[in-house]
Amino acid sequence: MIDLRLLACLALLVAVLNPLAAEPATRTPSAFKARGNEPGWTLEISAERLSLSLDYGRREIEAERPTPVRTDGTEVYPLPEHDLSIHISEHPCNDSMTGMPYPRTVVLEIEDRRLSGCGGEPSTLLEGDEWTVRALAGEPLPDEVSVTIDFLENDRVAGSSGCNRFMGGYALTGEGLSFGQIAGTRMACPELQMQTEQRFLGLLQEVTRFEIPSENELLLITSEDKRIEAER
């Protein structure tokens, strides 16, 4: 285990001698949550406080949010008074029970134990640049048909369904991803575009979860394992 007292001293020294140098180590949002399984634990980090529940709630740790040290792309929060260090990296993580993707991998080193889990908001993996659909249920889209998906703020989604523009809502729960009622424009298009649009919207309504195989790849997956494959 890392020498926690040395790590805490280094964090304080960096912040005092060069406040600007400490700024890159504050990438974890001021409101951050993480969790892990077997044994179950939860972590909440606010702008000023840190709260950790261990062993399915049988042990609680409350502390001031320490100054993190950034090393090799990972933020380390040292709490030597609890024989604890919290490591938060920007590598995506899948929940070991539900498979839900999360943007951060979290490791707790406490006493002689090492516990792993996931943190951050899954929606941040979906939001950002627009996704371009490449295949529906294993069949590549025709070159002349464009299908896109854009995940927006407030759990909204929009894009091109092959012929028309569509819009609607989506929901992320601890179990997966689903799409609500989808509305769209009503233009008529060539038959190939209309058929693609019908297949896409039908699959979209059946989606139950998603995966992020790599930073620029998205899989929307139905309960029957049919997939909408997209990239950006």
Foldseek 3Di string as FASTA:
>chain_A
DPPLVVQLVVLVVCCVVPVVVLVVLPPQDQWKKKWAVDQTKIWTHHVFKIWIATRVRPDIDIDTFGRWDDDPQWTWGGDVVQQKIKIKHQPWDAHPPQRAIARIKIWMDGDPDITIIHMDDSVVLQADDKKWWQDWQPHGQPPQFTWIWHQDPPQKIWTDLRDWIKIFGKDDDPRAIATDDMDIDDDDDPPSSVVSSVRSVVVRRQFGHKDDPDSFWIWGAGPVGITGIIGD
